[in-house]
């Protein structure tokens, strides 16, 4: 069973966790680009702030080897409109772009069995790029938080709350946090 690791995009500090369940699928507008399936769907559901929820997925759980986790990118009510671009590292195999309006919750499940890049762009030229490596998400509680505060620089905070790895003799501290390379465009 695949474990889930989270990449969280937030306008304010959030507490995130991991689950062992597969993502909910509200499939609509399915398109295939170079063997990568992108499912874009919009739902309005009950949330803490009664905001709209936009969900999407790149690929499916069956695309992942058993020992590779999927990743979830989440954005909760950023006061600015945000563009998220997910692309495979060092490859033109796919590039998916998601425009998220201000005050919209967003969740993207990424089933990519390879390294990939997440670029977050907000207003006033603010941007942040995070390189996510396949082997950096081997623990169930690996979390990368990307904060999009109003009128401030986008921040990446690595968070490893008591990482718990499978009993493979691997050091939890070494694998509990994602390896990221961050490039920032000034405001």
C-alpha atoms as a PDB file:
ATOM      1  CA  UNK A   1       0.000   0.000   0.000  1.00  0.00           C
ATOM      2  CA  UNK A   2       1.306   3.419  -0.904  1.00  0.00           C
ATOM      3  CA  UNK A   3       1.754   5.966   1.847  1.00  0.00           C
ATOM      4  CA  UNK A   4       0.915   9.604   1.381  1.00  0.00           C
ATOM      5  CA  UNK A   5       3.250  12.553   1.866  1.00  0.00           C
ATOM      6  CA  UNK A   6       2.033  16.113   1.773  1.00  0.00           C
ATOM      7  CA  UNK A   7       3.305  19.269   0.136  1.00  0.00           C
ATOM      8  CA  UNK A   8       1.146  21.958   1.725  1.00  0.00           C
ATOM      9  CA  UNK A   9       0.638  25.416   0.256  1.00  0.00           C
ATOM     10  CA  UNK A  10      -0.965  27.711   2.770  1.00  0.00           C
ATOM     11  CA  UNK A  11      -1.736  31.306   3.570  1.00  0.00           C
ATOM     12  CA  UNK A  12      -1.398  30.601   7.274  1.00  0.00           C
ATOM     13  CA  UNK A  13       0.221  27.954   9.453  1.00  0.00           C
ATOM     14  CA  UNK A  14      -1.509  24.595   9.173  1.00  0.00           C
ATOM     15  CA  UNK A  15      -1.200  21.263  10.883  1.00  0.00           C
ATOM     16  CA  UNK A  16      -0.917  18.497   8.304  1.00  0.00           C
ATOM     17  CA  UNK A  17      -0.724  14.756   8.498  1.00  0.00           C
ATOM     18  CA  UNK A  18      -0.581  11.620   6.445  1.00  0.00           C
ATOM     19  CA  UNK A  19      -3.065   8.981   5.536  1.00  0.00           C
ATOM     20  CA  UNK A  20      -2.952   5.607   3.908  1.00  0.00           C
ATOM     21  CA  UNK A  21      -6.054   6.102   1.825  1.00  0.00           C
ATOM     22  CA  UNK A  22      -6.270   6.903  -1.832  1.00  0.00           C
ATOM     23  CA  UNK A  23      -7.513  10.324  -2.962  1.00  0.00           C
ATOM     24  CA  UNK A  24     -11.171  10.973  -3.559  1.00  0.00           C
ATOM     25  CA  UNK A  25     -11.895  11.092  -7.235  1.00  0.00           C
ATOM     26  CA  UNK A  26     -14.393  13.519  -8.631  1.00  0.00           C
ATOM     27  CA  UNK A  27     -13.374  12.767 -12.181  1.00  0.00           C
ATOM     28  CA  UNK A  28     -14.311  15.172 -14.912  1.00  0.00           C
ATOM     29  CA  UNK A  29     -12.455  16.829 -17.769  1.00  0.00           C
ATOM     30  CA  UNK A  30      -9.915  14.010 -18.075  1.00  0.00           C
ATOM     31  CA  UNK A  31      -7.177  14.561 -20.639  1.00  0.00           C
ATOM     32  CA  UNK A  32      -4.082  12.579 -21.559  1.00  0.00           C
ATOM     33  CA  UNK A  33      -0.794  14.297 -22.393  1.00  0.00           C
ATOM     34  CA  UNK A  34       2.264  12.177 -23.180  1.00  0.00           C
ATOM     35  CA  UNK A  35       1.128   9.217 -21.075  1.00  0.00           C
ATOM     36  CA  UNK A  36       0.238  11.461 -18.125  1.00  0.00           C
ATOM     37  CA  UNK A  37      -3.400  11.728 -17.093  1.00  0.00           C
ATOM     38  CA  UNK A  38      -4.545  15.023 -15.644  1.00  0.00           C
ATOM     39  CA  UNK A  39      -7.925  15.060 -13.948  1.00  0.00           C
ATOM     40  CA  UNK A  40      -9.258  18.517 -13.249  1.00  0.00           C
ATOM     41  CA  UNK A  41     -12.422  18.801 -11.218  1.00  0.00           C
ATOM     42  CA  UNK A  42     -14.094  21.441  -9.139  1.00  0.00           C
ATOM     43  CA  UNK A  43     -16.201  20.775  -6.090  1.00  0.00           C
ATOM     44  CA  UNK A  44     -17.938  22.969  -3.593  1.00  0.00           C
ATOM     45  CA  UNK A  45     -17.920  21.270  -0.239  1.00  0.00           C
ATOM     46  CA  UNK A  46     -18.016  21.902   3.455  1.00  0.00           C
ATOM     47  CA  UNK A  47     -14.765  23.433   4.593  1.00  0.00           C
ATOM     48  CA  UNK A  48     -13.798  25.390   7.651  1.00  0.00           C
ATOM     49  CA  UNK A  49     -14.147  28.662   5.775  1.00  0.00           C
ATOM     50  CA  UNK A  50     -16.963  27.608   3.404  1.00  0.00           C
ATOM     51  CA  UNK A  51     -14.719  28.290   0.416  1.00  0.00           C
ATOM     52  CA  UNK A  52     -14.829  26.452  -2.892  1.00  0.00           C
ATOM     53  CA  UNK A  53     -12.583  23.413  -3.255  1.00  0.00           C
ATOM     54  CA  UNK A  54     -10.767  22.640  -6.477  1.00  0.00           C
ATOM     55  CA  UNK A  55      -9.236  19.179  -6.825  1.00  0.00           C
ATOM     56  CA  UNK A  56      -7.031  17.662  -9.507  1.00  0.00           C
ATOM     57  CA  UNK A  57      -4.689  14.729 -10.073  1.00  0.00           C
ATOM     58  CA  UNK A  58      -1.711  13.935 -12.264  1.00  0.00           C
ATOM     59  CA  UNK A  59      -1.640  10.219 -13.034  1.00  0.00           C
ATOM     60  CA  UNK A  60      -3.160   7.561 -10.805  1.00  0.00           C
ATOM     61  CA  UNK A  61      -2.094   5.346  -7.923  1.00  0.00           C
ATOM     62  CA  UNK A  62      -1.510   2.446 -10.330  1.00  0.00           C
ATOM     63  CA  UNK A  63       1.290   4.499 -11.955  1.00  0.00           C
ATOM     64  CA  UNK A  64       3.410   4.226  -8.788  1.00  0.00           C
ATOM     65  CA  UNK A  65       5.626   1.317  -7.783  1.00  0.00           C
ATOM     66  CA  UNK A  66       4.589  -0.160  -4.432  1.00  0.00           C
ATOM     67  CA  UNK A  67       7.452   1.480  -2.539  1.00  0.00           C
ATOM     68  CA  UNK A  68       6.929   5.002  -3.951  1.00  0.00           C
ATOM     69  CA  UNK A  69       4.537   7.439  -2.278  1.00  0.00           C
ATOM     70  CA  UNK A  70       2.160   9.812  -3.951  1.00  0.00           C
ATOM     71  CA  UNK A  71       2.354  13.488  -3.026  1.00  0.00           C
ATOM     72  CA  UNK A  72      -0.426  15.925  -2.256  1.00  0.00           C
ATOM     73  CA  UNK A  73      -0.138  19.657  -2.848  1.00  0.00           C
ATOM     74  CA  UNK A  74      -2.659  21.661  -0.846  1.00  0.00           C
ATOM     75  CA  UNK A  75      -3.511  25.357  -0.846  1.00  0.00           C
ATOM     76  CA  UNK A  76      -5.905  26.701   1.770  1.00  0.00           C
ATOM     77  CA  UNK A  77      -7.432  30.125   1.169  1.00  0.00           C
ATOM     78  CA  UNK A  78      -4.458  32.178   0.000  1.00  0.00           C
ATOM     79  CA  UNK A  79      -5.627  35.790  -0.169  1.00  0.00           C
ATOM     80  CA  UNK A  80      -3.812  36.113  -3.521  1.00  0.00           C
ATOM     81  CA  UNK A  81      -4.446  34.252  -6.747  1.00  0.00           C
ATOM     82  CA  UNK A  82      -1.800  31.551  -7.172  1.00  0.00           C
ATOM     83  CA  UNK A  83      -0.520  29.653 -10.196  1.00  0.00           C
ATOM     84  CA  UNK A  84       0.968  26.211  -9.587  1.00  0.00           C
ATOM     85  CA  UNK A  85       3.088  24.594 -12.308  1.00  0.00           C
ATOM     86  CA  UNK A  86       4.128  20.958 -11.869  1.00  0.00           C
ATOM     87  CA  UNK A  87       6.718  19.574 -14.282  1.00  0.00           C
ATOM     88  CA  UNK A  88       8.950  16.549 -14.460  1.00  0.00           C
ATOM     89  CA  UNK A  89      12.543  17.441 -13.625  1.00  0.00           C
ATOM     90  CA  UNK A  90      14.890  17.641 -16.641  1.00  0.00           C
ATOM     91  CA  UNK A  91      12.162  16.559 -19.044  1.00  0.00           C
ATOM     92  CA  UNK A  92       9.454  17.944 -21.273  1.00  0.00           C
ATOM     93  CA  UNK A  93       7.358  14.826 -20.636  1.00  0.00           C
ATOM     94  CA  UNK A  94       4.693  16.832 -18.881  1.00  0.00           C
ATOM     95  CA  UNK A  95       3.926  20.253 -17.505  1.00  0.00           C
ATOM     96  CA  UNK A  96       0.627  20.899 -15.778  1.00  0.00           C
ATOM     97  CA  UNK A  97      -0.553  24.399 -14.834  1.00  0.00           C
ATOM     98  CA  UNK A  98      -3.256  25.182 -12.295  1.00  0.00           C
ATOM     99  CA  UNK A  99      -4.626  28.689 -11.774  1.00  0.00           C
ATOM    100  CA  UNK A 100      -6.141  28.958  -8.311  1.00  0.00           C
ATOM    101  CA  UNK A 101      -8.277  32.046  -7.618  1.00  0.00           C
ATOM    102  CA  UNK A 102      -7.856  33.964  -4.378  1.00  0.00           C
ATOM    103  CA  UNK A 103      -9.634  32.462  -1.365  1.00  0.00           C
ATOM    104  CA  UNK A 104      -9.943  29.038  -3.003  1.00  0.00           C
ATOM    105  CA  UNK A 105      -8.863  25.783  -1.384  1.00  0.00           C
ATOM    106  CA  UNK A 106      -6.913  23.534  -3.754  1.00  0.00           C
ATOM    107  CA  UNK A 107      -5.701  19.947  -3.601  1.00  0.00           C
ATOM    108  CA  UNK A 108      -3.528  18.245  -6.214  1.00  0.00           C
ATOM    109  CA  UNK A 109      -2.623  14.563  -5.930  1.00  0.00           C
ATOM    110  CA  UNK A 110       0.594  13.818  -7.822  1.00  0.00           C
ATOM    111  CA  UNK A 111       1.287  10.216  -8.839  1.00  0.00           C
ATOM    112  CA  UNK A 112       4.672  10.659 -10.520  1.00  0.00           C
ATOM    113  CA  UNK A 113       7.276   7.899 -10.032  1.00  0.00           C
ATOM    114  CA  UNK A 114      10.170  10.283 -10.662  1.00  0.00           C
ATOM    115  CA  UNK A 115      11.648  13.594  -9.555  1.00  0.00           C
ATOM    116  CA  UNK A 116       9.495  16.612 -10.319  1.00  0.00           C
ATOM    117  CA  UNK A 117       9.357  20.369  -9.808  1.00  0.00           C
ATOM    118  CA  UNK A 118       6.611  22.433  -8.195  1.00  0.00           C
ATOM    119  CA  UNK A 119       6.672  26.143  -9.029  1.00  0.00           C
ATOM    120  CA  UNK A 120       4.368  28.466  -7.095  1.00  0.00           C
ATOM    121  CA  UNK A 121       3.680  31.929  -8.516  1.00  0.00           C
ATOM    122  CA  UNK A 122       1.701  34.597  -6.686  1.00  0.00           C
ATOM    123  CA  UNK A 123       0.978  38.258  -7.354  1.00  0.00           C
ATOM    124  CA  UNK A 124       3.596  40.994  -7.676  1.00  0.00           C
ATOM    125  CA  UNK A 125       6.124  38.636  -9.293  1.00  0.00           C
ATOM    126  CA  UNK A 126       6.558  36.443  -6.217  1.00  0.00           C
ATOM    127  CA  UNK A 127       7.526  32.846  -6.967  1.00  0.00           C
ATOM    128  CA  UNK A 128       9.127  29.809  -5.384  1.00  0.00           C
ATOM    129  CA  UNK A 129      10.394  26.610  -6.994  1.00  0.00           C
ATOM    130  CA  UNK A 130      10.703  23.354  -5.077  1.00  0.00           C
ATOM    131  CA  UNK A 131      12.491  20.299  -6.508  1.00  0.00           C
ATOM    132  CA  UNK A 132      10.934  17.132  -5.111  1.00  0.00           C
ATOM    133  CA  UNK A 133      13.000  13.955  -5.339  1.00  0.00           C
ATOM    134  CA  UNK A 134      11.435  10.514  -5.483  1.00  0.00           C
ATOM    135  CA  UNK A 135      13.544   9.113  -2.648  1.00  0.00           C
ATOM    136  CA  UNK A 136      12.858  12.062  -0.327  1.00  0.00           C
ATOM    137  CA  UNK A 137       9.354  10.852   0.503  1.00  0.00           C
ATOM    138  CA  UNK A 138      10.022   7.497   2.115  1.00  0.00           C
ATOM    139  CA  UNK A 139       8.481   8.217   5.539  1.00  0.00           C
ATOM    140  CA  UNK A 140       4.808   8.496   6.334  1.00  0.00           C
ATOM    141  CA  UNK A 141       5.058  11.909   7.988  1.00  0.00           C
ATOM    142  CA  UNK A 142       7.229  13.798   5.486  1.00  0.00           C
ATOM    143  CA  UNK A 143       5.736  17.248   4.917  1.00  0.00           C
ATOM    144  CA  UNK A 144       6.917  20.244   2.924  1.00  0.00           C
ATOM    145  CA  UNK A 145       4.978  23.413   3.766  1.00  0.00           C
ATOM    146  CA  UNK A 146       4.967  26.268   1.254  1.00  0.00           C
ATOM    147  CA  UNK A 147       3.370  29.406   2.706  1.00  0.00           C
ATOM    148  CA  UNK A 148       1.914  32.149   0.509  1.00  0.00           C
ATOM    149  CA  UNK A 149       1.395  35.062   2.921  1.00  0.00           C
ATOM    150  CA  UNK A 150      -0.250  38.231   1.690  1.00  0.00           C
ATOM    151  CA  UNK A 151       2.285  40.692   0.193  1.00  0.00           C
ATOM    152  CA  UNK A 152       5.306  38.801   1.578  1.00  0.00           C
ATOM    153  CA  UNK A 153       7.816  36.370   0.122  1.00  0.00           C
ATOM    154  CA  UNK A 154       6.652  32.805  -0.390  1.00  0.00           C
ATOM    155  CA  UNK A 155       8.318  30.564   2.216  1.00  0.00           C
ATOM    156  CA  UNK A 156       9.261  26.891   2.259  1.00  0.00           C
ATOM    157  CA  UNK A 157       9.371  25.225   5.667  1.00  0.00           C
ATOM    158  CA  UNK A 158      10.533  21.636   6.024  1.00  0.00           C
ATOM    159  CA  UNK A 159       8.539  19.843   8.704  1.00  0.00           C
ATOM    160  CA  UNK A 160       9.242  16.394  10.074  1.00  0.00           C
ATOM    161  CA  UNK A 161       6.955  15.654  13.024  1.00  0.00           C
ATOM    162  CA  UNK A 162       8.410  12.477  14.519  1.00  0.00           C
ATOM    163  CA  UNK A 163       9.089  10.792  11.189  1.00  0.00           C
ATOM    164  CA  UNK A 164       8.221   7.121  11.151  1.00  0.00           C
ATOM    165  CA  UNK A 165       9.791   4.954   8.466  1.00  0.00           C
ATOM    166  CA  UNK A 166       9.200   1.320   7.674  1.00  0.00           C
ATOM    167  CA  UNK A 167      11.454  -1.081   9.579  1.00  0.00           C
ATOM    168  CA  UNK A 168      14.227  -1.107   6.988  1.00  0.00           C
ATOM    169  CA  UNK A 169      17.048   0.049   9.227  1.00  0.00           C
ATOM    170  CA  UNK A 170      16.925   3.451   7.563  1.00  0.00           C
ATOM    171  CA  UNK A 171      17.506   6.497   9.732  1.00  0.00           C
ATOM    172  CA  UNK A 172      14.150   8.258  10.064  1.00  0.00           C
ATOM    173  CA  UNK A 173      15.768  11.648  10.450  1.00  0.00           C
ATOM    174  CA  UNK A 174      17.600  11.232   7.149  1.00  0.00           C
ATOM    175  CA  UNK A 175      14.491  10.322   5.185  1.00  0.00           C
ATOM    176  CA  UNK A 176      11.715  12.132   7.018  1.00  0.00           C
ATOM    177  CA  UNK A 177      12.128  15.474   5.298  1.00  0.00           C
ATOM    178  CA  UNK A 178      11.944  16.248   1.605  1.00  0.00           C
ATOM    179  CA  UNK A 179      15.055  17.427  -0.170  1.00  0.00           C
ATOM    180  CA  UNK A 180      14.252  20.731  -1.831  1.00  0.00           C
ATOM    181  CA  UNK A 181      16.096  23.259  -3.923  1.00  0.00           C
ATOM    182  CA  UNK A 182      14.463  26.653  -3.629  1.00  0.00           C
ATOM    183  CA  UNK A 183      14.694  29.496  -6.135  1.00  0.00           C
ATOM    184  CA  UNK A 184      12.984  32.748  -5.192  1.00  0.00           C
ATOM    185  CA  UNK A 185      12.076  35.681  -7.405  1.00  0.00           C
ATOM    186  CA  UNK A 186      12.075  38.890  -5.318  1.00  0.00           C
ATOM    187  CA  UNK A 187       8.870  40.844  -4.816  1.00  0.00           C
END
